[in-house]
Protein backbone atom coordinates (compact mmCIF):
# COMPACT_ATOMS: atom_id res chain seq x y z
CA MET A 1 -3.87 2.51 4.85
CA ASP A 2 -3.03 4.59 7.95
CA LEU A 3 -5.93 3.35 10.04
CA ARG A 4 -5.47 4.90 13.63
CA GLU A 5 -7.87 6.24 16.27
CA ASP A 6 -7.02 9.98 15.54
CA ARG A 7 -6.90 9.65 11.61
CA LEU A 8 -9.71 9.62 9.02
CA GLN A 9 -9.41 7.88 5.73
CA VAL A 10 -11.82 9.03 2.81
CA LEU A 11 -12.13 6.86 -0.38
CA SER A 12 -13.79 7.94 -3.71
CA PHE A 13 -14.83 5.52 -6.39
CA VAL A 14 -14.82 7.26 -9.69
CA ASP A 15 -17.41 6.17 -12.39
CA LEU A 16 -17.19 7.01 -15.77
CA SER A 17 -20.12 6.47 -18.36
CA ALA A 18 -18.92 4.15 -21.05
CA ALA A 19 -15.37 4.83 -20.30
CA TYR A 20 -13.63 2.55 -23.16
CA ASP A 21 -16.37 3.96 -25.64
CA THR A 22 -15.34 7.53 -25.38
CA VAL A 23 -11.72 7.53 -25.93
CA ASN A 24 -10.76 9.88 -28.39
CA HIS A 25 -8.45 8.28 -30.99
CA ARG A 26 -6.83 11.32 -31.92
CA ARG A 27 -5.82 12.29 -28.53
CA LEU A 28 -4.93 8.63 -27.78
CA LEU A 29 -2.25 8.36 -30.61
CA CYS A 30 -0.83 11.64 -29.70
CA LYS A 31 -0.05 10.43 -25.87
CA ILE A 32 1.36 7.31 -27.17
CA LEU A 33 3.56 8.99 -29.39
CA GLU A 34 4.48 11.36 -26.56
CA ILE A 35 5.52 8.38 -24.22
CA THR A 36 6.88 6.10 -26.44
CA LYS A 37 8.83 8.52 -29.07
CA ASP A 38 8.08 5.50 -31.66
CA ILE A 39 6.30 6.90 -34.47
CA HIS A 40 5.99 3.33 -36.20
CA LEU A 41 4.28 2.09 -32.91
CA THR A 42 1.95 5.08 -33.10
CA GLU A 43 0.93 4.28 -36.93
CA LEU A 44 0.59 0.54 -36.11
CA MET A 45 -2.00 1.58 -33.19
CA GLU A 46 -3.80 3.99 -35.54
CA ALA A 47 -3.98 1.03 -38.05
CA MET A 48 -5.50 -1.39 -35.30
CA LEU A 49 -8.19 1.54 -34.37
CA GLN A 50 -9.22 2.51 -37.80
CA ASN A 51 -11.76 0.85 -39.97
CA ARG A 52 -13.84 -0.53 -37.43
CA ARG A 53 -17.13 -1.12 -38.23
CA PHE A 54 -20.35 -2.53 -35.84
CA TYR A 55 -24.02 -3.29 -35.80
CA VAL A 56 -26.58 -3.55 -33.13
CA GLU A 57 -29.04 -6.85 -32.97
CA LEU A 58 -32.22 -6.58 -30.97
CA GLY A 59 -35.33 -8.55 -31.52
CA GLY A 60 -34.03 -10.64 -34.21
CA LYS A 61 -33.20 -7.28 -36.14
CA ARG A 62 -29.97 -5.69 -37.15
CA SER A 63 -29.18 -2.21 -37.49
CA ARG A 64 -27.19 -0.75 -40.43
CA TRP A 65 -23.34 -1.04 -40.42
CA ARG A 66 -21.70 1.98 -38.63
CA ASN A 67 -18.24 3.14 -38.34
CA GLN A 68 -16.56 3.25 -35.04
CA LYS A 69 -14.87 6.71 -34.60
CA ASN A 70 -14.18 6.79 -31.04
CA GLY A 71 -13.55 4.40 -28.43
CA LEU A 72 -11.33 1.22 -27.81
CA LEU A 73 -11.78 -2.32 -29.15
CA GLN A 74 -13.88 -4.38 -26.17
CA GLY A 75 -12.24 -7.26 -25.30
CA SER A 76 -8.65 -6.56 -26.74
CA VAL A 77 -5.96 -7.34 -24.59
CA LEU A 78 -4.59 -3.93 -25.48
CA ALA A 79 -7.59 -2.23 -24.37
CA PRO A 80 -6.64 -1.69 -20.88
CA LEU A 81 -3.13 -0.74 -21.53
CA GLN A 82 -4.59 2.07 -24.43
CA TYR A 83 -6.74 3.41 -21.61
CA ASN A 84 -4.09 3.45 -18.95
CA ILE A 85 -1.91 5.56 -21.39
CA TYR A 86 -4.94 7.93 -22.06
CA THR A 87 -5.64 8.39 -18.48
CA ASN A 88 -2.25 8.20 -17.21
CA ASP A 89 -1.74 12.41 -16.85
CA GLN A 90 -4.99 12.69 -14.74
CA PRO A 91 -4.27 15.65 -12.41
CA ARG A 92 -2.70 14.77 -8.84
CA ASP A 93 -2.02 16.89 -5.74
CA ASP A 94 -0.31 16.49 -2.54
CA ALA A 95 -3.24 16.03 -0.49
CA THR A 96 -4.66 12.79 -2.33
CA ARG A 97 -3.43 9.90 -3.84
CA LEU A 98 -4.77 8.07 -6.89
CA PHE A 99 -5.12 4.66 -7.49
CA ALA A 100 -6.13 3.50 -10.91
CA TYR A 101 -6.84 -0.34 -12.28
CA ALA A 102 -7.90 0.42 -15.90
CA ASP A 103 -11.08 2.23 -15.50
CA ASP A 104 -11.46 1.94 -11.89
CA LEU A 105 -10.32 5.01 -10.35
CA CYS A 106 -9.96 5.36 -6.53
CA ILE A 107 -9.03 8.70 -4.75
CA THR A 108 -8.06 8.71 -1.52
CA ALA A 109 -7.44 11.59 1.29
CA GLN A 110 -6.63 11.62 4.79
CA GLY A 111 -7.14 14.00 7.78
CA THR A 112 -8.36 14.45 11.35
CA ASP A 113 -11.71 15.86 10.85
CA PHE A 114 -14.82 15.42 8.58
CA MET A 115 -14.81 18.86 7.24
CA SER A 116 -11.43 18.90 6.00
CA ILE A 117 -11.32 15.67 4.17
CA GLU A 118 -14.69 16.45 2.61
CA GLU A 119 -12.97 19.77 1.28
CA THR A 120 -10.03 17.93 -0.04
CA LEU A 121 -12.04 15.44 -1.73
CA LYS A 122 -14.33 17.86 -3.42
CA ASP A 123 -11.08 20.09 -4.73
CA ALA A 124 -9.56 16.87 -6.02
CA LEU A 125 -13.20 15.59 -7.93
CA SER A 126 -13.23 19.19 -9.24
CA GLY A 127 -9.96 19.04 -10.88
CA LEU A 128 -10.97 15.72 -12.65
CA THR A 129 -14.02 17.47 -14.17
CA THR A 130 -11.86 19.72 -16.14
CA TYR A 131 -9.52 16.70 -17.11
CA TYR A 132 -12.61 14.46 -18.29
CA GLU A 133 -14.19 17.38 -20.13
CA VAL A 134 -10.86 17.95 -21.92
CA ASN A 135 -10.14 14.49 -22.93
CA HIS A 136 -13.97 13.75 -23.74
CA LEU A 137 -14.68 11.42 -20.91
CA ARG A 138 -18.22 11.69 -19.06
CA ALA A 139 -18.07 11.61 -15.38
CA ASN A 140 -21.02 9.59 -13.88
CA PRO A 141 -21.57 11.34 -10.37
CA ALA A 142 -24.70 9.30 -9.87
CA LYS A 143 -22.60 6.00 -9.36
CA THR A 144 -19.82 7.63 -7.91
CA GLN A 145 -19.27 6.25 -4.43
CA VAL A 146 -17.59 7.74 -1.36
CA CYS A 147 -16.87 6.08 2.13
CA VAL A 148 -14.85 6.56 5.19
CA PHE A 149 -12.40 4.34 7.29
CA HIS A 150 -11.79 5.21 10.88
CA LEU A 151 -11.98 3.47 14.50
CA ARG A 152 -14.10 5.84 16.01
CA ASN A 153 -17.20 4.06 16.99
CA LYS A 154 -19.31 7.19 18.15
CA GLU A 155 -19.20 8.25 14.54
CA ALA A 156 -19.77 5.15 12.95
CA LYS A 157 -23.10 6.39 11.19
CA ARG A 158 -21.54 9.51 10.24
CA GLN A 159 -21.97 9.88 6.22
CA LEU A 160 -19.65 12.06 4.05
CA ASN A 161 -21.16 15.27 2.49
CA VAL A 162 -19.58 15.29 -0.79
CA SER A 163 -21.27 16.75 -4.43
CA TRP A 164 -19.52 16.32 -7.60
CA CYS A 165 -20.89 18.41 -10.70
CA GLY A 166 -23.91 19.50 -8.35
CA THR A 167 -25.03 15.66 -7.74
CA PRO A 168 -24.52 14.59 -3.91
CA LEU A 169 -22.38 11.26 -3.82
CA SER A 170 -23.91 8.34 -2.43
CA HIS A 171 -21.99 7.07 0.78
CA SER A 172 -21.40 3.34 1.03
CA GLU A 173 -20.88 1.33 3.91
CA HIS A 174 -19.37 -1.52 2.32
CA PRO A 175 -17.98 -0.35 -1.05
CA VAL A 176 -16.54 -3.23 -3.41
CA TYR A 177 -13.44 -2.20 -5.38
CA LEU A 178 -11.64 -4.69 -7.41
CA GLY A 179 -13.70 -7.34 -6.14
CA VAL A 180 -12.74 -6.72 -2.60
CA THR A 181 -15.73 -5.61 -0.10
CA LEU A 182 -14.46 -3.35 2.34
CA ASP A 183 -15.99 -1.87 5.50
CA ARG A 184 -15.33 0.92 7.83
CA CYS A 185 -12.74 -0.65 10.24
CA LEU A 186 -11.10 -2.87 7.64
CA THR A 187 -11.90 -6.22 9.38
CA PHE A 188 -12.95 -7.45 6.13
CA LYS A 189 -15.73 -9.47 7.62
CA THR A 190 -18.20 -8.83 4.89
CA HIS A 191 -15.83 -9.67 2.30
CA ILE A 192 -14.97 -13.21 3.88
CA THR A 193 -18.68 -13.94 4.33
CA LYS A 194 -19.49 -13.19 0.58
CA THR A 195 -16.45 -15.00 -0.42
CA LYS A 196 -17.43 -18.30 1.63
CA ALA A 197 -20.74 -18.24 -0.08
CA LYS A 198 -19.04 -18.21 -3.56
CA VAL A 199 -16.83 -21.26 -2.42
CA SER A 200 -20.08 -23.07 -1.19
CA THR A 201 -21.63 -22.49 -4.50
CA ARG A 202 -18.50 -23.82 -6.29
CA ASN A 203 -18.41 -26.55 -4.15
CA ASN A 204 -21.82 -27.53 -5.51
CA ILE A 205 -20.58 -27.98 -9.00
CA LEU A 206 -17.82 -29.90 -7.43
CA ARG A 207 -20.25 -32.38 -5.91
CA LYS A 208 -22.01 -32.99 -9.00
CA LEU A 209 -18.48 -34.84 -10.09
CA THR A 210 -18.75 -37.29 -7.52
CA ASN A 211 -21.15 -39.71 -6.05
CA THR A 212 -21.75 -42.72 -3.94
CA ARG A 213 -20.34 -45.35 -6.49
CA TRP A 214 -19.23 -43.11 -9.31
CA GLY A 215 -16.92 -40.05 -9.53
CA ALA A 216 -14.47 -38.13 -11.72
CA CYS A 217 -10.82 -38.72 -11.71
CA PRO A 218 -9.13 -37.75 -8.46
CA LYS A 219 -6.61 -35.45 -10.36
CA THR A 220 -9.73 -33.98 -12.04
CA LEU A 221 -11.73 -33.25 -8.95
CA ARG A 222 -8.35 -31.73 -7.30
CA ALA A 223 -7.51 -29.26 -10.28
CA THR A 224 -11.57 -28.58 -10.40
CA ALA A 225 -11.24 -27.54 -6.74
CA LEU A 226 -8.11 -25.59 -6.98
CA ALA A 227 -9.41 -23.67 -10.17
CA LEU A 228 -12.90 -22.98 -8.91
CA CYS A 229 -12.85 -22.96 -4.90
CA PHE A 230 -9.39 -22.12 -3.89
CA SER A 231 -8.76 -19.32 -6.66
CA THR A 232 -11.94 -17.96 -5.33
CA ALA A 233 -11.29 -18.23 -1.37
CA GLU A 234 -7.67 -16.66 -2.19
CA TYR A 235 -8.52 -13.82 -4.28
CA ALA A 236 -6.66 -10.56 -3.01
CA CYS A 237 -5.76 -12.29 0.16
CA PRO A 238 -2.76 -10.35 0.88
CA ALA A 239 -5.17 -7.55 1.75
CA TRP A 240 -7.06 -9.53 4.30
CA GLU A 241 -5.44 -12.80 5.14
CA ARG A 242 -4.50 -11.24 8.71
CA SER A 243 -8.11 -10.64 9.39
CA THR A 244 -9.27 -12.30 12.44
CA HIS A 245 -12.33 -13.93 10.13
CA ALA A 246 -10.14 -15.22 7.76
CA LYS A 247 -10.42 -18.66 9.19
CA LYS A 248 -14.31 -18.45 8.64
CA LEU A 249 -13.39 -19.62 4.87
CA ASP A 250 -11.69 -22.95 6.15
CA PRO A 251 -14.86 -24.94 6.57
CA ALA A 252 -15.89 -24.13 2.78
CA LEU A 253 -12.44 -25.35 1.56
CA ASN A 254 -12.60 -28.26 4.30
CA GLU A 255 -15.62 -29.39 2.16
CA SER A 256 -14.01 -29.08 -1.15
CA CYS A 257 -11.15 -31.28 0.10
CA ARG A 258 -13.86 -33.74 0.94
CA TYR A 259 -15.37 -34.05 -2.20
CA ILE A 260 -11.76 -34.64 -3.63
CA THR A 261 -10.87 -37.46 -1.23
CA GLY A 262 -14.22 -38.93 -0.37
CA CYS A 263 -13.65 -38.74 3.23
CA LEU A 264 -16.30 -38.15 6.10
CA LYS A 265 -16.78 -35.05 7.87
CA PRO A 266 -15.31 -36.34 11.19
CA THR A 267 -11.89 -36.83 9.18
CA ASN A 268 -8.97 -34.84 11.01
CA THR A 269 -8.40 -31.79 9.05
CA ASN A 270 -4.76 -32.52 8.95
CA ASN A 271 -5.23 -35.75 7.41
CA LEU A 272 -7.91 -34.37 4.73
CA TYR A 273 -5.33 -31.89 3.11
CA ILE A 274 -2.58 -34.39 3.12
CA LEU A 275 -4.77 -36.97 1.52
CA ALA A 276 -6.11 -33.94 -1.10
CA GLY A 277 -2.50 -33.03 -1.88
CA ILE A 278 -2.95 -29.35 -1.14
CA ALA A 279 -1.55 -27.24 1.40
CA PRO A 280 -3.88 -25.90 4.35
CA PRO A 281 -5.92 -22.65 3.75
CA ASP A 282 -3.98 -20.58 6.39
CA ILE A 283 -0.74 -21.60 4.73
CA ARG A 284 -1.48 -20.67 1.35
CA ARG A 285 -2.86 -17.50 2.44
CA ALA A 286 0.30 -16.72 4.19
CA VAL A 287 2.55 -17.49 1.32
CA ALA A 288 0.55 -15.37 -1.08
CA SER A 289 0.86 -12.75 1.38
CA ARG A 290 4.40 -12.69 1.55
CA THR A 291 5.03 -13.31 -2.31
CA GLU A 292 2.99 -9.94 -2.72
CA ARG A 293 5.44 -8.32 -0.03
CA ARG A 294 8.25 -9.24 -2.08
CA ARG A 295 6.92 -7.79 -5.11
CA GLN A 296 6.08 -4.79 -3.28
CA THR A 297 9.78 -4.53 -2.10
CA THR A 298 11.49 -5.60 -5.52
CA ASP A 299 9.17 -4.47 -8.05
CA GLU A 300 9.13 -0.54 -8.88
CA ARG A 301 5.96 -0.60 -10.75
CA HIS A 302 4.22 -1.95 -7.73
CA PRO A 303 1.61 1.01 -6.12
CA LEU A 304 3.17 0.57 -2.68
CA HIS A 305 6.91 0.55 -3.51
CA GLY A 306 8.71 2.62 -1.59
CA HIS A 307 5.81 3.21 0.77
CA VAL A 308 6.80 4.09 4.26
CA PRO A 309 4.03 2.77 6.67
CA ALA A 310 3.15 5.12 9.64
CA PRO A 311 3.94 3.84 13.12
CA SER A 312 1.25 1.57 14.42
CA ARG A 313 -0.29 2.88 17.62
CA LEU A 314 -2.76 -0.37 18.31
CA LYS A 315 -1.39 -3.78 18.60
CA SER A 316 -4.49 -5.25 17.12
CA ARG A 317 -3.87 -3.69 13.68
CA LYS A 318 -1.61 -5.87 11.58
CA SER A 319 -1.03 -3.99 8.50
CA PHE A 320 0.24 -5.45 5.24
CA LEU A 321 3.83 -3.56 5.31
CA THR A 322 4.33 -3.91 9.07
CA SER A 323 3.48 -7.38 9.79
CA THR A 324 4.20 -9.33 6.51
CA ALA A 325 7.80 -10.61 5.68
CA PRO A 326 8.97 -10.73 2.08
CA LEU A 327 9.31 -14.48 0.72
CA GLU A 328 12.87 -15.62 0.61
CA LYS A 329 12.05 -18.98 -0.98
CA THR A 330 9.88 -20.03 -3.93
CA PRO A 331 6.04 -20.46 -3.09
CA THR A 332 6.18 -24.10 -3.54
CA GLU A 333 9.12 -24.57 -1.24
CA ALA A 334 7.77 -21.99 1.57
CA ARG A 335 4.05 -23.82 1.37
CA LEU A 336 5.97 -27.23 2.06
CA ALA A 337 8.22 -25.89 4.83
CA MET A 338 5.04 -24.07 6.57
CA TRP A 339 3.09 -27.28 6.32
CA LYS A 340 5.68 -29.61 7.61
CA GLU A 341 6.38 -27.21 10.56
CA LYS A 342 2.50 -27.08 11.41
CA LEU A 343 2.40 -30.89 11.42
CA ASN A 344 5.16 -30.91 13.52
CA ASN A 345 3.68 -28.86 16.26
CA HIS A 346 0.28 -30.20 15.87
CA PRO A 347 0.79 -34.10 15.12
CA HIS A 348 -1.72 -35.47 12.89
CA SER A 349 -2.67 -39.25 12.93
CA PRO A 350 1.03 -40.87 13.10
CA THR A 351 -0.76 -43.98 11.30
CA MET A 352 -1.13 -42.39 7.84
CA HIS A 353 2.66 -42.56 6.87
CA ILE A 354 1.95 -40.16 4.19
CA PRO A 355 4.16 -37.16 3.77
CA ALA A 356 3.19 -33.84 3.18
CA ALA A 357 3.29 -33.14 -0.58
CA GLU A 358 1.37 -30.95 -3.07
CA SER A 359 0.35 -34.03 -5.27
CA LEU A 360 -2.12 -36.91 -4.40
CA PRO A 361 -0.92 -39.98 -2.80
CA PRO A 362 -0.66 -43.44 -4.48
CA GLY A 363 -3.95 -44.81 -5.61
CA ASP A 364 -5.68 -41.98 -7.57
CA ASN A 365 -7.48 -44.39 -10.11
CA ASN A 366 -11.20 -45.61 -9.50
CA TRP A 367 -13.45 -43.30 -7.51
CA ALA A 368 -15.03 -45.98 -5.60
CA LYS A 369 -11.50 -47.58 -4.57
CA TRP A 370 -10.10 -44.03 -4.11
CA LYS A 371 -12.66 -43.25 -1.74
CA CYS A 372 -12.44 -46.44 0.51
CA LEU A 373 -8.74 -46.40 0.40
CA ASN A 374 -8.52 -42.75 1.98
CA ARG A 375 -11.62 -43.85 4.41
CA LEU A 376 -9.24 -46.80 5.46
CA ARG A 377 -6.06 -44.29 5.55
CA SER A 378 -7.69 -41.83 7.59
CA GLY A 379 -9.33 -44.33 10.15
CA VAL A 380 -12.82 -42.67 9.62
CA GLY A 381 -15.47 -44.52 7.58
CA ARG A 382 -18.94 -46.20 8.14
CA SER A 383 -18.00 -49.19 10.20
CA ARG A 384 -20.59 -50.67 12.34
CA GLU A 385 -18.99 -49.44 15.56
CA ALA A 386 -19.01 -45.79 13.76
CA LEU A 387 -22.32 -45.97 12.67
CA SER A 388 -23.74 -47.11 15.92
CA ARG A 389 -21.77 -44.33 17.65
CA TRP A 390 -23.27 -41.67 15.26
CA GLY A 391 -26.83 -43.28 16.01
CA TYR A 392 -27.38 -44.53 12.52
CA LEU A 393 -27.47 -48.12 13.64
CA SER A 394 -29.16 -50.06 16.44
CA GLY A 395 -28.18 -53.45 16.16
CA PRO A 396 -25.06 -55.43 17.10
CA THR A 397 -21.51 -54.02 16.06
CA THR A 398 -19.74 -57.14 15.75
CA CYS A 399 -17.78 -57.84 12.45
CA ASP A 400 -18.84 -60.68 10.15
CA CYS A 401 -15.71 -62.56 11.36
CA GLY A 402 -17.53 -62.86 14.90
CA THR A 403 -14.54 -61.93 16.74
CA GLU A 404 -14.64 -58.44 17.72
CA PRO A 405 -16.67 -55.16 16.90
CA GLN A 406 -16.17 -53.65 13.40
CA THR A 407 -13.88 -50.90 13.94
CA MET A 408 -11.87 -49.14 11.61
CA GLU A 409 -8.79 -50.78 12.81
CA HIS A 410 -10.19 -54.11 12.86
CA LEU A 411 -10.93 -54.02 9.34
CA LEU A 412 -7.17 -53.93 8.51
CA ARG A 413 -6.54 -57.19 10.71
CA CYS A 414 -10.18 -58.84 10.06
CA PRO A 415 -9.53 -62.69 9.19
CA LEU A 416 -11.82 -62.47 6.40
CA LEU A 417 -8.87 -60.43 4.48
CA GLY A 418 -6.67 -63.42 4.33
CA GLY A 419 -3.59 -61.26 5.83
CA PRO A 420 -3.26 -58.12 7.79
CA CYS A 421 -2.85 -54.76 5.91
CA THR A 422 -0.77 -52.06 7.85
CA ALA A 423 -0.80 -48.27 7.47
CA LYS A 424 2.26 -48.31 5.25
CA ASP A 425 0.74 -50.79 2.91
CA LEU A 426 -2.27 -48.39 2.64
CA ALA A 427 0.07 -45.46 2.21
CA LEU A 428 2.12 -47.34 -0.42
CA ASN A 429 -1.41 -48.39 -2.11
CA ASN A 430 0.38 -52.21 -2.91
CA THR A 431 -1.13 -55.30 -3.19
CA LYS A 432 -2.52 -55.71 0.62
CA ALA A 433 -3.72 -52.29 0.38
CA GLN A 434 -5.70 -53.06 -2.95
CA GLN A 435 -7.11 -56.52 -1.48
CA CYS A 436 -8.07 -54.74 1.68
CA THR A 437 -9.88 -51.96 -0.38
CA ASN A 438 -11.46 -54.42 -2.58
CA HIS A 439 -12.70 -56.32 0.28
CA TRP A 440 -14.41 -53.37 2.04
CA LEU A 441 -15.47 -51.36 -0.84
CA ASP A 442 -19.22 -51.72 -0.21
CA VAL A 443 -18.88 -51.29 3.77
CA VAL A 444 -16.93 -48.11 4.75
């Protein structure tokens, strides 16, 4: 999007009433035949659409069976594709650009003043009105929204005056399109705030899988965190990962990794992600953006394929096309390379001896032992010295061996162990590490 000081970008999010249910079968089959030139495929589609019946159940009572004369099969994997074919011939003009995903249609226009872009948008919507009438689709102006993007702070509260079918369209300051919340300056602050809240909610689910003494398998916790938390946090990140607010998501994902590893909050975050076997969030977002950039460059079906970005006038604006380089490696290789580079530039704890890898380190078995092992590895646990420093212990901090204060370093060489345990032993989870973990299981 060409967001500059002298430009206005207006968007209209078109809503249709029961879009899938009003598709005319005869017109759909004609369009399929016209596009594919395959009579057998058209006959197959016709057979799938015909002889469909349904009933309505309300309050324990059922209606009689009715034949479905129009509409697509709700829940079918072919329904979005059939709808795309049905609406593929929507009218377009040079003054606007259309972006469609199934029944979610977005019309964009650009100009230098509000009056001109309002007229441009009205003309585009008027052209759609005739098209919808011919194709038996019902426009819903009451739910259609418009918004404008610009950097003119003095006109921040200016609303668009656009009507469609005699109904004024509502102006939204934070419209949601395909699950992404937009704002006037495209800072994505609102979207990131909402996403962080979603991740925190999913962390509550992850927390139910662990307890002080009991917890699910670490591999299960890691898979759950990736599926519930990280997938939510990275949704559509190529659009917003360059935002200055993107790093606000990281604390919620740090919490996810604490549930995976059993580590405490003071644990160094670099160590935290190594123990969880997950690349840091900023690296995952950057690789996802570069993967999408490669897709935009090589795939002709991409909506932005061949798009020439406008010259940037503000150094603070980092658009997707101008600031993101296409990925040249596989995503896994790129994440590991960027991860290792980050650790070299910002050294983590040198005592862990665990390399960066997208898999759990050795020792992912019993939850209580896994938690204790990771706290010993990271050097952050509930030792008496730490509890006293945090204000949870007012008594002496001397270890039971009576030789020195009970610190995390002392736990590895305490005479009560029968032999010292090194950081390399903990990294390998060998016999010495297992003996040390079992001895301090109820301490750290």
